[in-house]
């Protein structure tokens, strides 16, 4: 019978403790009366609940004697032998009371000027922060040196800020590239309709009585060699894009190459001979260059055209043919002084509406 009572207590008493503090104390005292042989199991729980209530009351009135009360009650529990031996050993090892009244937490903000000590070196980043030499997109005129294929100093040139130093906008570049690729698409795809397919127009068999599906022609889309339904026809894939957006896209592309340091200005694009090795040697001298675009002001020099026609990574364009897609395809842009002047003049020309 006592074993059954102990099982009932161990099964239902912990859940009763979680209801509320007054009910838990009453149940603890009642369990101690009903089971006198096991009262030493319930009396510590009742004292703990009483301690919790007293701590809350003292905190509500702002008393500072909560810690002393906790220590006195814990000593009383140890003195009467109600406390668990393993818990008391753990508390003595840690050097803390079993019932901590309150803890004080403090935070310190570390900074290099702190008086509490030097800033920890392991928290400081050892990486060097790279900052650009100038801000991009301020419409400031740029001064860059002028050279030639022999790396000779030819002075300096001022690039207009409203053409070579505009804010970078990827959305404009995307729109211009889509417009350019769509406009250059040939659009000569074509398929034959049922009226264009070669073949007889006779009905293949009678309407009824054969057991086969009814058909009126052998040139239908369901027959081999027949027509194509809803197939492509020659058309233009061009889309509309405002002229000011196209012009802005070219300015952004030129500004991006200038900001990256991939824009070089030559006095002219004259080469001594039509030998390809001259251009190859010059490209090898340039750092981080995989594809080179040469832009001249007027007609392309015949010697330069022959010297570069066998190099797949070097292309030539006149200034009138300079476009956004070609600039993006080449990582380095070389322009003659005449080409720069013509591009700036074209960008400053009012748009015909």
C-alpha atoms as a PDB file:
ATOM      1  CA  UNK A   1       0.000   0.000   0.000  1.00  0.00           C
ATOM      2  CA  UNK A   2       2.822   2.384   0.835  1.00  0.00           C
ATOM      3  CA  UNK A   3       4.488   1.565  -2.481  1.00  0.00           C
ATOM      4  CA  UNK A   4       1.265   2.414  -4.330  1.00  0.00           C
ATOM      5  CA  UNK A   5       0.981   5.725  -2.436  1.00  0.00           C
ATOM      6  CA  UNK A   6       4.584   6.607  -3.294  1.00  0.00           C
ATOM      7  CA  UNK A   7       3.936   5.839  -6.983  1.00  0.00           C
ATOM      8  CA  UNK A   8       0.849   8.090  -6.970  1.00  0.00           C
ATOM      9  CA  UNK A   9       2.845  10.893  -5.349  1.00  0.00           C
ATOM     10  CA  UNK A  10       5.810  10.624  -7.712  1.00  0.00           C
ATOM     11  CA  UNK A  11       3.512  10.520 -10.748  1.00  0.00           C
ATOM     12  CA  UNK A  12       1.103  13.366  -9.970  1.00  0.00           C
ATOM     13  CA  UNK A  13       2.942  15.556  -7.480  1.00  0.00           C
ATOM     14  CA  UNK A  14       5.440  17.139  -9.973  1.00  0.00           C
ATOM     15  CA  UNK A  15       2.598  18.191 -12.254  1.00  0.00           C
ATOM     16  CA  UNK A  16       0.828  19.741  -9.288  1.00  0.00           C
ATOM     17  CA  UNK A  17       3.928  21.763  -8.473  1.00  0.00           C
ATOM     18  CA  UNK A  18       3.747  23.500 -11.858  1.00  0.00           C
ATOM     19  CA  UNK A  19       0.163  24.778 -11.338  1.00  0.00           C
ATOM     20  CA  UNK A  20       0.930  27.718  -9.077  1.00  0.00           C
ATOM     21  CA  UNK A  21       2.967  28.483  -5.987  1.00  0.00           C
ATOM     22  CA  UNK A  22       0.146  28.498  -3.317  1.00  0.00           C
ATOM     23  CA  UNK A  23      -1.355  25.279  -4.647  1.00  0.00           C
ATOM     24  CA  UNK A  24       2.072  23.667  -4.720  1.00  0.00           C
ATOM     25  CA  UNK A  25       2.733  24.556  -1.070  1.00  0.00           C
ATOM     26  CA  UNK A  26      -0.652  23.211   0.013  1.00  0.00           C
ATOM     27  CA  UNK A  27      -0.157  19.999  -1.915  1.00  0.00           C
ATOM     28  CA  UNK A  28       3.324  19.589  -0.451  1.00  0.00           C
ATOM     29  CA  UNK A  29       2.022  19.961   3.125  1.00  0.00           C
ATOM     30  CA  UNK A  30      -0.935  17.657   2.413  1.00  0.00           C
ATOM     31  CA  UNK A  31       1.349  15.048   0.906  1.00  0.00           C
ATOM     32  CA  UNK A  32       3.594  15.230   3.975  1.00  0.00           C
ATOM     33  CA  UNK A  33       0.587  14.616   6.246  1.00  0.00           C
ATOM     34  CA  UNK A  34      -0.830  11.786   4.144  1.00  0.00           C
ATOM     35  CA  UNK A  35       2.523  10.085   3.726  1.00  0.00           C
ATOM     36  CA  UNK A  36       4.427  10.609   6.984  1.00  0.00           C
ATOM     37  CA  UNK A  37       7.065   8.079   6.009  1.00  0.00           C
ATOM     38  CA  UNK A  38       8.059  10.217   2.974  1.00  0.00           C
ATOM     39  CA  UNK A  39       7.582  13.696   4.410  1.00  0.00           C
ATOM     40  CA  UNK A  40      11.298  14.443   4.064  1.00  0.00           C
ATOM     41  CA  UNK A  41      10.740  14.391   0.294  1.00  0.00           C
ATOM     42  CA  UNK A  42       8.013  17.060   0.318  1.00  0.00           C
ATOM     43  CA  UNK A  43       9.174  19.468   3.033  1.00  0.00           C
ATOM     44  CA  UNK A  44      12.161  20.853   1.009  1.00  0.00           C
ATOM     45  CA  UNK A  45       9.820  21.592  -1.899  1.00  0.00           C
ATOM     46  CA  UNK A  46       7.449  23.488   0.420  1.00  0.00           C
ATOM     47  CA  UNK A  47      10.339  25.503   1.885  1.00  0.00           C
ATOM     48  CA  UNK A  48      11.594  26.309  -1.618  1.00  0.00           C
ATOM     49  CA  UNK A  49       8.169  27.602  -2.611  1.00  0.00           C
ATOM     50  CA  UNK A  50       7.990  29.713   0.549  1.00  0.00           C
ATOM     51  CA  UNK A  51      11.423  31.133  -0.243  1.00  0.00           C
ATOM     52  CA  UNK A  52      10.289  32.045  -3.765  1.00  0.00           C
ATOM     53  CA  UNK A  53       7.250  33.921  -2.428  1.00  0.00           C
ATOM     54  CA  UNK A  54       9.319  35.779   0.177  1.00  0.00           C
ATOM     55  CA  UNK A  55      11.862  36.825  -2.464  1.00  0.00           C
ATOM     56  CA  UNK A  56       9.120  38.242  -4.666  1.00  0.00           C
ATOM     57  CA  UNK A  57       7.610  40.180  -1.747  1.00  0.00           C
ATOM     58  CA  UNK A  58      10.972  41.602  -0.692  1.00  0.00           C
ATOM     59  CA  UNK A  59      11.823  42.605  -4.267  1.00  0.00           C
ATOM     60  CA  UNK A  60       8.464  44.351  -4.592  1.00  0.00           C
ATOM     61  CA  UNK A  61       9.316  46.496  -1.537  1.00  0.00           C
ATOM     62  CA  UNK A  62      12.897  47.082  -2.698  1.00  0.00           C
ATOM     63  CA  UNK A  63      14.603  45.192   0.118  1.00  0.00           C
ATOM     64  CA  UNK A  64      18.306  44.365  -0.210  1.00  0.00           C
ATOM     65  CA  UNK A  65      18.262  41.468   2.276  1.00  0.00           C
ATOM     66  CA  UNK A  66      17.134  38.887  -0.241  1.00  0.00           C
ATOM     67  CA  UNK A  67      20.533  37.251  -0.507  1.00  0.00           C
ATOM     68  CA  UNK A  68      20.902  36.935   3.293  1.00  0.00           C
ATOM     69  CA  UNK A  69      17.466  35.359   3.526  1.00  0.00           C
ATOM     70  CA  UNK A  70      18.376  32.891   0.794  1.00  0.00           C
ATOM     71  CA  UNK A  71      21.582  31.901   2.559  1.00  0.00           C
ATOM     72  CA  UNK A  72      19.838  31.479   5.920  1.00  0.00           C
ATOM     73  CA  UNK A  73      17.113  29.273   4.480  1.00  0.00           C
ATOM     74  CA  UNK A  74      19.619  27.203   2.543  1.00  0.00           C
ATOM     75  CA  UNK A  75      21.661  26.694   5.715  1.00  0.00           C
ATOM     76  CA  UNK A  76      18.499  25.684   7.526  1.00  0.00           C
ATOM     77  CA  UNK A  77      17.769  23.104   4.875  1.00  0.00           C
ATOM     78  CA  UNK A  78      21.279  21.715   5.124  1.00  0.00           C
ATOM     79  CA  UNK A  79      21.130  21.704   8.900  1.00  0.00           C
ATOM     80  CA  UNK A  80      17.963  19.602   9.006  1.00  0.00           C
ATOM     81  CA  UNK A  81      19.238  17.216   6.379  1.00  0.00           C
ATOM     82  CA  UNK A  82      16.563  18.005   3.828  1.00  0.00           C
ATOM     83  CA  UNK A  83      18.870  19.137   1.075  1.00  0.00           C
ATOM     84  CA  UNK A  84      20.189  16.743  -1.495  1.00  0.00           C
ATOM     85  CA  UNK A  85      23.763  15.691  -0.836  1.00  0.00           C
ATOM     86  CA  UNK A  86      24.794  15.767  -4.502  1.00  0.00           C
ATOM     87  CA  UNK A  87      23.358  19.258  -4.949  1.00  0.00           C
ATOM     88  CA  UNK A  88      25.112  20.529  -1.835  1.00  0.00           C
ATOM     89  CA  UNK A  89      28.421  19.141  -3.054  1.00  0.00           C
ATOM     90  CA  UNK A  90      27.975  20.798  -6.412  1.00  0.00           C
ATOM     91  CA  UNK A  91      27.113  24.109  -4.759  1.00  0.00           C
ATOM     92  CA  UNK A  92      30.168  23.930  -2.527  1.00  0.00           C
ATOM     93  CA  UNK A  93      32.428  23.194  -5.473  1.00  0.00           C
ATOM     94  CA  UNK A  94      31.064  26.070  -7.525  1.00  0.00           C
ATOM     95  CA  UNK A  95      31.194  28.395  -4.535  1.00  0.00           C
ATOM     96  CA  UNK A  96      27.619  29.600  -5.030  1.00  0.00           C
ATOM     97  CA  UNK A  97      24.519  29.461  -2.892  1.00  0.00           C
ATOM     98  CA  UNK A  98      21.767  27.125  -4.082  1.00  0.00           C
ATOM     99  CA  UNK A  99      19.350  30.032  -4.245  1.00  0.00           C
ATOM    100  CA  UNK A 100      20.905  33.102  -5.869  1.00  0.00           C
ATOM    101  CA  UNK A 101      18.966  36.206  -5.002  1.00  0.00           C
ATOM    102  CA  UNK A 102      19.937  38.320  -7.950  1.00  0.00           C
ATOM    103  CA  UNK A 103      22.847  38.719 -10.317  1.00  0.00           C
ATOM    104  CA  UNK A 104      24.436  41.857 -11.584  1.00  0.00           C
ATOM    105  CA  UNK A 105      25.326  42.056 -15.255  1.00  0.00           C
ATOM    106  CA  UNK A 106      27.540  44.714 -16.801  1.00  0.00           C
ATOM    107  CA  UNK A 107      28.541  45.377 -20.388  1.00  0.00           C
ATOM    108  CA  UNK A 108      31.598  47.224 -21.633  1.00  0.00           C
ATOM    109  CA  UNK A 109      32.014  48.723 -25.084  1.00  0.00           C
ATOM    110  CA  UNK A 110      35.571  48.271 -26.286  1.00  0.00           C
ATOM    111  CA  UNK A 111      37.037  51.051 -28.337  1.00  0.00           C
ATOM    112  CA  UNK A 112      40.575  52.250 -29.053  1.00  0.00           C
ATOM    113  CA  UNK A 113      40.169  55.191 -26.649  1.00  0.00           C
ATOM    114  CA  UNK A 114      38.880  53.104 -23.759  1.00  0.00           C
ATOM    115  CA  UNK A 115      40.563  53.736 -20.418  1.00  0.00           C
ATOM    116  CA  UNK A 116      40.129  50.126 -19.314  1.00  0.00           C
ATOM    117  CA  UNK A 117      42.887  48.889 -21.575  1.00  0.00           C
ATOM    118  CA  UNK A 118      44.048  48.647 -25.135  1.00  0.00           C
ATOM    119  CA  UNK A 119      41.757  47.359 -27.852  1.00  0.00           C
ATOM    120  CA  UNK A 120      42.266  43.600 -28.428  1.00  0.00           C
ATOM    121  CA  UNK A 121      44.473  43.122 -31.458  1.00  0.00           C
ATOM    122  CA  UNK A 122      42.778  39.887 -32.537  1.00  0.00           C
ATOM    123  CA  UNK A 123      39.499  41.768 -33.021  1.00  0.00           C
ATOM    124  CA  UNK A 124      41.027  44.244 -35.432  1.00  0.00           C
ATOM    125  CA  UNK A 125      40.991  43.370 -39.125  1.00  0.00           C
ATOM    126  CA  UNK A 126      44.391  43.136 -40.749  1.00  0.00           C
ATOM    127  CA  UNK A 127      42.990  43.619 -44.256  1.00  0.00           C
ATOM    128  CA  UNK A 128      43.672  46.890 -45.975  1.00  0.00           C
ATOM    129  CA  UNK A 129      40.613  48.790 -47.099  1.00  0.00           C
ATOM    130  CA  UNK A 130      40.985  49.946 -50.701  1.00  0.00           C
ATOM    131  CA  UNK A 131      39.329  53.252 -51.514  1.00  0.00           C
ATOM    132  CA  UNK A 132      39.069  54.632 -55.039  1.00  0.00           C
ATOM    133  CA  UNK A 133      41.248  57.563 -55.985  1.00  0.00           C
ATOM    134  CA  UNK A 134      38.190  59.548 -56.990  1.00  0.00           C
ATOM    135  CA  UNK A 135      34.437  59.321 -56.908  1.00  0.00           C
ATOM    136  CA  UNK A 136      32.742  58.144 -60.080  1.00  0.00           C
ATOM    137  CA  UNK A 137      29.810  59.893 -61.700  1.00  0.00           C
ATOM    138  CA  UNK A 138      30.471  63.500 -60.682  1.00  0.00           C
ATOM    139  CA  UNK A 139      30.616  64.803 -64.281  1.00  0.00           C
ATOM    140  CA  UNK A 140      34.184  66.010 -63.754  1.00  0.00           C
ATOM    141  CA  UNK A 141      36.581  66.466 -66.664  1.00  0.00           C
ATOM    142  CA  UNK A 142      39.330  63.843 -66.785  1.00  0.00           C
ATOM    143  CA  UNK A 143      42.933  64.457 -67.787  1.00  0.00           C
ATOM    144  CA  UNK A 144      44.683  61.393 -69.215  1.00  0.00           C
ATOM    145  CA  UNK A 145      48.032  60.995 -71.000  1.00  0.00           C
ATOM    146  CA  UNK A 146      48.252  60.497 -74.759  1.00  0.00           C
ATOM    147  CA  UNK A 147      50.611  57.927 -76.281  1.00  0.00           C
ATOM    148  CA  UNK A 148      50.991  55.737 -79.386  1.00  0.00           C
ATOM    149  CA  UNK A 149      51.989  52.207 -80.402  1.00  0.00           C
ATOM    150  CA  UNK A 150      55.630  52.997 -79.540  1.00  0.00           C
ATOM    151  CA  UNK A 151      54.721  54.118 -75.973  1.00  0.00           C
ATOM    152  CA  UNK A 152      55.915  57.655 -76.671  1.00  0.00           C
ATOM    153  CA  UNK A 153      54.686  60.591 -74.611  1.00  0.00           C
ATOM    154  CA  UNK A 154      52.351  62.757 -76.687  1.00  0.00           C
ATOM    155  CA  UNK A 155      51.064  65.076 -73.974  1.00  0.00           C
ATOM    156  CA  UNK A 156      47.674  65.058 -72.275  1.00  0.00           C
ATOM    157  CA  UNK A 157      44.038  65.277 -73.261  1.00  0.00           C
ATOM    158  CA  UNK A 158      40.985  66.474 -71.357  1.00  0.00           C
ATOM    159  CA  UNK A 159      37.947  64.184 -71.541  1.00  0.00           C
ATOM    160  CA  UNK A 160      34.548  65.815 -71.153  1.00  0.00           C
ATOM    161  CA  UNK A 161      32.996  64.934 -67.807  1.00  0.00           C
ATOM    162  CA  UNK A 162      29.453  64.740 -69.178  1.00  0.00           C
ATOM    163  CA  UNK A 163      30.590  61.957 -71.538  1.00  0.00           C
ATOM    164  CA  UNK A 164      33.362  60.084 -69.697  1.00  0.00           C
ATOM    165  CA  UNK A 165      32.308  60.571 -66.054  1.00  0.00           C
ATOM    166  CA  UNK A 166      28.597  59.851 -65.741  1.00  0.00           C
ATOM    167  CA  UNK A 167      27.006  57.649 -63.033  1.00  0.00           C
ATOM    168  CA  UNK A 168      27.100  53.929 -63.791  1.00  0.00           C
ATOM    169  CA  UNK A 169      23.636  52.446 -64.335  1.00  0.00           C
ATOM    170  CA  UNK A 170      23.381  48.775 -65.200  1.00  0.00           C
ATOM    171  CA  UNK A 171      19.704  49.019 -66.057  1.00  0.00           C
ATOM    172  CA  UNK A 172      20.419  51.455 -68.894  1.00  0.00           C
ATOM    173  CA  UNK A 173      23.210  49.232 -70.205  1.00  0.00           C
ATOM    174  CA  UNK A 174      20.848  46.252 -70.151  1.00  0.00           C
ATOM    175  CA  UNK A 175      18.156  48.092 -72.094  1.00  0.00           C
ATOM    176  CA  UNK A 176      20.593  49.334 -74.728  1.00  0.00           C
ATOM    177  CA  UNK A 177      22.160  45.896 -75.227  1.00  0.00           C
ATOM    178  CA  UNK A 178      18.730  44.279 -75.615  1.00  0.00           C
ATOM    179  CA  UNK A 179      17.735  46.929 -78.143  1.00  0.00           C
ATOM    180  CA  UNK A 180      20.979  46.503 -80.081  1.00  0.00           C
ATOM    181  CA  UNK A 181      20.844  42.692 -80.229  1.00  0.00           C
ATOM    182  CA  UNK A 182      17.167  42.676 -81.164  1.00  0.00           C
ATOM    183  CA  UNK A 183      17.694  45.226 -83.925  1.00  0.00           C
ATOM    184  CA  UNK A 184      20.577  43.351 -85.510  1.00  0.00           C
ATOM    185  CA  UNK A 185      18.654  40.051 -85.589  1.00  0.00           C
ATOM    186  CA  UNK A 186      18.076  39.129 -89.226  1.00  0.00           C
ATOM    187  CA  UNK A 187      14.554  37.769 -88.865  1.00  0.00           C
ATOM    188  CA  UNK A 188      14.506  35.801 -92.164  1.00  0.00           C
ATOM    189  CA  UNK A 189      13.063  32.633 -90.613  1.00  0.00           C
ATOM    190  CA  UNK A 190      10.127  31.282 -92.574  1.00  0.00           C
ATOM    191  CA  UNK A 191       7.884  28.208 -92.761  1.00  0.00           C
ATOM    192  CA  UNK A 192       5.228  27.204 -95.306  1.00  0.00           C
ATOM    193  CA  UNK A 193       1.527  27.343 -94.678  1.00  0.00           C
ATOM    194  CA  UNK A 194      -0.985  24.908 -96.199  1.00  0.00           C
ATOM    195  CA  UNK A 195      -1.405  27.136 -99.241  1.00  0.00           C
ATOM    196  CA  UNK A 196       2.352  27.237 -99.885  1.00  0.00           C
ATOM    197  CA  UNK A 197       3.119  23.516 -99.587  1.00  0.00           C
ATOM    198  CA  UNK A 198       3.568  21.708-102.910  1.00  0.00           C
ATOM    199  CA  UNK A 199       1.059  18.903-103.481  1.00  0.00           C
ATOM    200  CA  UNK A 200      -2.351  18.017-104.813  1.00  0.00           C
ATOM    201  CA  UNK A 201      -5.540  19.475-103.501  1.00  0.00           C
ATOM    202  CA  UNK A 202      -7.606  16.357-104.216  1.00  0.00           C
ATOM    203  CA  UNK A 203      -9.546  14.690-101.429  1.00  0.00           C
ATOM    204  CA  UNK A 204      -7.547  11.527-100.551  1.00  0.00           C
ATOM    205  CA  UNK A 205     -10.580   9.233-100.034  1.00  0.00           C
ATOM    206  CA  UNK A 206     -14.303   9.474 -99.712  1.00  0.00           C
ATOM    207  CA  UNK A 207     -15.916  10.919 -96.631  1.00  0.00           C
ATOM    208  CA  UNK A 208     -17.682   7.759 -95.372  1.00  0.00           C
ATOM    209  CA  UNK A 209     -17.468   4.028 -95.658  1.00  0.00           C
ATOM    210  CA  UNK A 210     -13.711   3.432 -95.445  1.00  0.00           C
ATOM    211  CA  UNK A 211     -13.408   3.216 -91.683  1.00  0.00           C
ATOM    212  CA  UNK A 212     -10.603   5.752 -91.737  1.00  0.00           C
ATOM    213  CA  UNK A 213     -10.552   9.292 -90.433  1.00  0.00           C
ATOM    214  CA  UNK A 214     -12.019  11.886 -92.750  1.00  0.00           C
ATOM    215  CA  UNK A 215      -9.552  14.169 -94.558  1.00  0.00           C
ATOM    216  CA  UNK A 216      -9.882  16.757 -97.263  1.00  0.00           C
ATOM    217  CA  UNK A 217      -6.208  17.235 -98.222  1.00  0.00           C
ATOM    218  CA  UNK A 218      -2.824  15.577 -97.845  1.00  0.00           C
ATOM    219  CA  UNK A 219      -1.066  18.902 -97.266  1.00  0.00           C
ATOM    220  CA  UNK A 220      -2.308  19.295 -93.695  1.00  0.00           C
ATOM    221  CA  UNK A 221      -0.001  19.692 -90.717  1.00  0.00           C
ATOM    222  CA  UNK A 222      -0.700  16.121 -89.536  1.00  0.00           C
ATOM    223  CA  UNK A 223       0.833  14.566 -92.676  1.00  0.00           C
ATOM    224  CA  UNK A 224       4.491  14.064 -93.485  1.00  0.00           C
ATOM    225  CA  UNK A 225       5.674  16.829 -95.789  1.00  0.00           C
ATOM    226  CA  UNK A 226       2.663  18.936 -94.926  1.00  0.00           C
ATOM    227  CA  UNK A 227       2.317  22.477 -93.700  1.00  0.00           C
ATOM    228  CA  UNK A 228       3.588  23.980 -90.441  1.00  0.00           C
ATOM    229  CA  UNK A 229       0.951  25.490 -88.237  1.00  0.00           C
ATOM    230  CA  UNK A 230       1.694  28.822 -86.572  1.00  0.00           C
ATOM    231  CA  UNK A 231       5.314  28.726 -87.727  1.00  0.00           C
ATOM    232  CA  UNK A 232       7.650  31.746 -87.890  1.00  0.00           C
ATOM    233  CA  UNK A 233       7.495  34.198 -90.765  1.00  0.00           C
ATOM    234  CA  UNK A 234      10.019  36.864 -91.782  1.00  0.00           C
ATOM    235  CA  UNK A 235       9.659  39.827 -89.460  1.00  0.00           C
ATOM    236  CA  UNK A 236      11.636  42.472 -87.632  1.00  0.00           C
ATOM    237  CA  UNK A 237      12.610  41.799 -84.009  1.00  0.00           C
ATOM    238  CA  UNK A 238      13.540  45.422 -83.341  1.00  0.00           C
ATOM    239  CA  UNK A 239      12.170  47.094 -80.233  1.00  0.00           C
ATOM    240  CA  UNK A 240      11.763  50.780 -79.591  1.00  0.00           C
ATOM    241  CA  UNK A 241      14.220  52.676 -77.417  1.00  0.00           C
ATOM    242  CA  UNK A 242      14.437  56.428 -77.039  1.00  0.00           C
ATOM    243  CA  UNK A 243      17.451  58.176 -78.522  1.00  0.00           C
ATOM    244  CA  UNK A 244      18.396  59.809 -75.242  1.00  0.00           C
ATOM    245  CA  UNK A 245      18.523  56.374 -73.579  1.00  0.00           C
ATOM    246  CA  UNK A 246      20.785  55.029 -76.341  1.00  0.00           C
ATOM    247  CA  UNK A 247      23.062  58.031 -75.986  1.00  0.00           C
ATOM    248  CA  UNK A 248      23.140  57.648 -72.208  1.00  0.00           C
ATOM    249  CA  UNK A 249      24.084  53.977 -72.588  1.00  0.00           C
ATOM    250  CA  UNK A 250      27.131  54.881 -74.690  1.00  0.00           C
ATOM    251  CA  UNK A 251      28.189  57.492 -72.134  1.00  0.00           C
ATOM    252  CA  UNK A 252      27.889  54.950 -69.314  1.00  0.00           C
ATOM    253  CA  UNK A 253      29.967  52.385 -71.211  1.00  0.00           C
ATOM    254  CA  UNK A 254      32.723  54.936 -71.877  1.00  0.00           C
ATOM    255  CA  UNK A 255      32.621  56.108 -68.253  1.00  0.00           C
ATOM    256  CA  UNK A 256      32.928  52.530 -66.997  1.00  0.00           C
ATOM    257  CA  UNK A 257      36.053  51.898 -69.073  1.00  0.00           C
ATOM    258  CA  UNK A 258      37.542  55.208 -67.946  1.00  0.00           C
ATOM    259  CA  UNK A 259      36.823  54.418 -64.284  1.00  0.00           C
ATOM    260  CA  UNK A 260      38.444  50.980 -64.623  1.00  0.00           C
ATOM    261  CA  UNK A 261      41.565  52.465 -66.182  1.00  0.00           C
ATOM    262  CA  UNK A 262      40.927  50.520 -69.391  1.00  0.00           C
ATOM    263  CA  UNK A 263      40.632  53.566 -71.650  1.00  0.00           C
ATOM    264  CA  UNK A 264      43.742  54.652 -73.551  1.00  0.00           C
ATOM    265  CA  UNK A 265      44.048  57.611 -75.905  1.00  0.00           C
ATOM    266  CA  UNK A 266      46.492  57.513 -78.836  1.00  0.00           C
ATOM    267  CA  UNK A 267      47.699  60.423 -80.889  1.00  0.00           C
ATOM    268  CA  UNK A 268      46.797  58.379 -83.969  1.00  0.00           C
ATOM    269  CA  UNK A 269      46.534  54.737 -85.003  1.00  0.00           C
ATOM    270  CA  UNK A 270      49.302  54.821 -87.574  1.00  0.00           C
ATOM    271  CA  UNK A 271      51.431  51.663 -87.765  1.00  0.00           C
ATOM    272  CA  UNK A 272      54.811  51.441 -89.543  1.00  0.00           C
ATOM    273  CA  UNK A 273      53.901  48.329 -91.530  1.00  0.00           C
ATOM    274  CA  UNK A 274      51.124  45.855 -92.116  1.00  0.00           C
ATOM    275  CA  UNK A 275      52.909  43.101 -90.158  1.00  0.00           C
ATOM    276  CA  UNK A 276      50.749  41.383 -87.557  1.00  0.00           C
ATOM    277  CA  UNK A 277      53.660  40.954 -85.140  1.00  0.00           C
ATOM    278  CA  UNK A 278      53.681  44.696 -84.449  1.00  0.00           C
ATOM    279  CA  UNK A 279      50.167  44.574 -83.003  1.00  0.00           C
ATOM    280  CA  UNK A 280      50.900  41.291 -81.191  1.00  0.00           C
ATOM    281  CA  UNK A 281      53.943  42.781 -79.467  1.00  0.00           C
ATOM    282  CA  UNK A 282      51.975  45.813 -78.370  1.00  0.00           C
ATOM    283  CA  UNK A 283      49.110  43.732 -76.958  1.00  0.00           C
ATOM    284  CA  UNK A 284      51.570  41.572 -75.014  1.00  0.00           C
ATOM    285  CA  UNK A 285      52.969  44.709 -73.375  1.00  0.00           C
ATOM    286  CA  UNK A 286      49.535  45.649 -72.033  1.00  0.00           C
ATOM    287  CA  UNK A 287      48.585  44.173 -68.658  1.00  0.00           C
ATOM    288  CA  UNK A 288      45.350  42.257 -68.091  1.00  0.00           C
ATOM    289  CA  UNK A 289      44.217  42.620 -71.685  1.00  0.00           C
ATOM    290  CA  UNK A 290      42.387  39.779 -73.401  1.00  0.00           C
ATOM    291  CA  UNK A 291      40.403  41.614 -76.078  1.00  0.00           C
ATOM    292  CA  UNK A 292      41.316  44.984 -77.559  1.00  0.00           C
ATOM    293  CA  UNK A 293      39.067  47.418 -79.406  1.00  0.00           C
ATOM    294  CA  UNK A 294      40.699  50.116 -81.549  1.00  0.00           C
ATOM    295  CA  UNK A 295      38.551  53.142 -82.434  1.00  0.00           C
ATOM    296  CA  UNK A 296      39.687  55.617 -85.066  1.00  0.00           C
ATOM    297  CA  UNK A 297      38.088  58.903 -86.020  1.00  0.00           C
ATOM    298  CA  UNK A 298      37.811  58.563 -89.786  1.00  0.00           C
ATOM    299  CA  UNK A 299      38.213  55.684 -92.225  1.00  0.00           C
ATOM    300  CA  UNK A 300      40.322  52.761 -91.015  1.00  0.00           C
ATOM    301  CA  UNK A 301      43.952  52.770 -92.096  1.00  0.00           C
ATOM    302  CA  UNK A 302      44.657  49.997 -94.599  1.00  0.00           C
ATOM    303  CA  UNK A 303      47.899  48.949 -92.888  1.00  0.00           C
ATOM    304  CA  UNK A 304      46.162  48.690 -89.538  1.00  0.00           C
ATOM    305  CA  UNK A 305      43.351  46.666 -91.070  1.00  0.00           C
ATOM    306  CA  UNK A 306      45.807  44.159 -92.571  1.00  0.00           C
ATOM    307  CA  UNK A 307      47.814  43.961 -89.341  1.00  0.00           C
ATOM    308  CA  UNK A 308      44.777  43.032 -87.231  1.00  0.00           C
ATOM    309  CA  UNK A 309      42.618  40.943 -89.548  1.00  0.00           C
ATOM    310  CA  UNK A 310      44.221  37.664 -88.391  1.00  0.00           C
ATOM    311  CA  UNK A 311      43.894  38.471 -84.668  1.00  0.00           C
ATOM    312  CA  UNK A 312      40.584  37.351 -83.207  1.00  0.00           C
ATOM    313  CA  UNK A 313      41.168  39.350 -80.011  1.00  0.00           C
ATOM    314  CA  UNK A 314      41.745  42.708 -81.762  1.00  0.00           C
ATOM    315  CA  UNK A 315      38.952  44.562 -83.579  1.00  0.00           C
ATOM    316  CA  UNK A 316      38.751  47.964 -85.244  1.00  0.00           C
ATOM    317  CA  UNK A 317      35.806  50.351 -85.485  1.00  0.00           C
ATOM    318  CA  UNK A 318      35.353  53.887 -86.786  1.00  0.00           C
ATOM    319  CA  UNK A 319      34.009  56.428 -84.319  1.00  0.00           C
ATOM    320  CA  UNK A 320      30.635  56.472 -86.067  1.00  0.00           C
ATOM    321  CA  UNK A 321      30.266  52.721 -85.404  1.00  0.00           C
ATOM    322  CA  UNK A 322      31.204  52.762 -81.713  1.00  0.00           C
ATOM    323  CA  UNK A 323      28.438  51.068 -79.700  1.00  0.00           C
ATOM    324  CA  UNK A 324      27.734  49.763 -76.219  1.00  0.00           C
ATOM    325  CA  UNK A 325      27.827  46.054 -77.069  1.00  0.00           C
ATOM    326  CA  UNK A 326      31.257  46.279 -78.715  1.00  0.00           C
ATOM    327  CA  UNK A 327      32.660  48.155 -75.718  1.00  0.00           C
ATOM    328  CA  UNK A 328      31.369  45.480 -73.341  1.00  0.00           C
ATOM    329  CA  UNK A 329      32.814  42.655 -75.453  1.00  0.00           C
ATOM    330  CA  UNK A 330      36.342  44.092 -75.170  1.00  0.00           C
ATOM    331  CA  UNK A 331      38.034  44.680 -71.835  1.00  0.00           C
ATOM    332  CA  UNK A 332      40.368  47.403 -73.180  1.00  0.00           C
ATOM    333  CA  UNK A 333      39.423  50.396 -75.309  1.00  0.00           C
ATOM    334  CA  UNK A 334      41.998  52.346 -77.347  1.00  0.00           C
ATOM    335  CA  UNK A 335      40.772  55.535 -79.016  1.00  0.00           C
ATOM    336  CA  UNK A 336      42.589  58.033 -81.157  1.00  0.00           C
ATOM    337  CA  UNK A 337      42.486  61.721 -80.333  1.00  0.00           C
ATOM    338  CA  UNK A 338      40.326  62.344 -83.386  1.00  0.00           C
ATOM    339  CA  UNK A 339      37.892  59.606 -82.308  1.00  0.00           C
ATOM    340  CA  UNK A 340      37.485  61.156 -78.857  1.00  0.00           C
ATOM    341  CA  UNK A 341      36.724  64.563 -80.357  1.00  0.00           C
ATOM    342  CA  UNK A 342      34.153  63.110 -82.738  1.00  0.00           C
ATOM    343  CA  UNK A 343      32.441  61.101 -79.990  1.00  0.00           C
ATOM    344  CA  UNK A 344      32.191  64.161 -77.744  1.00  0.00           C
ATOM    345  CA  UNK A 345      30.831  66.225 -80.626  1.00  0.00           C
ATOM    346  CA  UNK A 346      28.235  63.556 -81.365  1.00  0.00           C
ATOM    347  CA  UNK A 347      27.160  63.372 -77.721  1.00  0.00           C
ATOM    348  CA  UNK A 348      26.767  67.160 -77.563  1.00  0.00           C
ATOM    349  CA  UNK A 349      24.691  67.357 -80.740  1.00  0.00           C
ATOM    350  CA  UNK A 350      21.003  68.023 -79.960  1.00  0.00           C
ATOM    351  CA  UNK A 351      18.665  65.111 -80.621  1.00  0.00           C
ATOM    352  CA  UNK A 352      16.371  65.569 -83.606  1.00  0.00           C
ATOM    353  CA  UNK A 353      12.814  65.028 -82.465  1.00  0.00           C
END
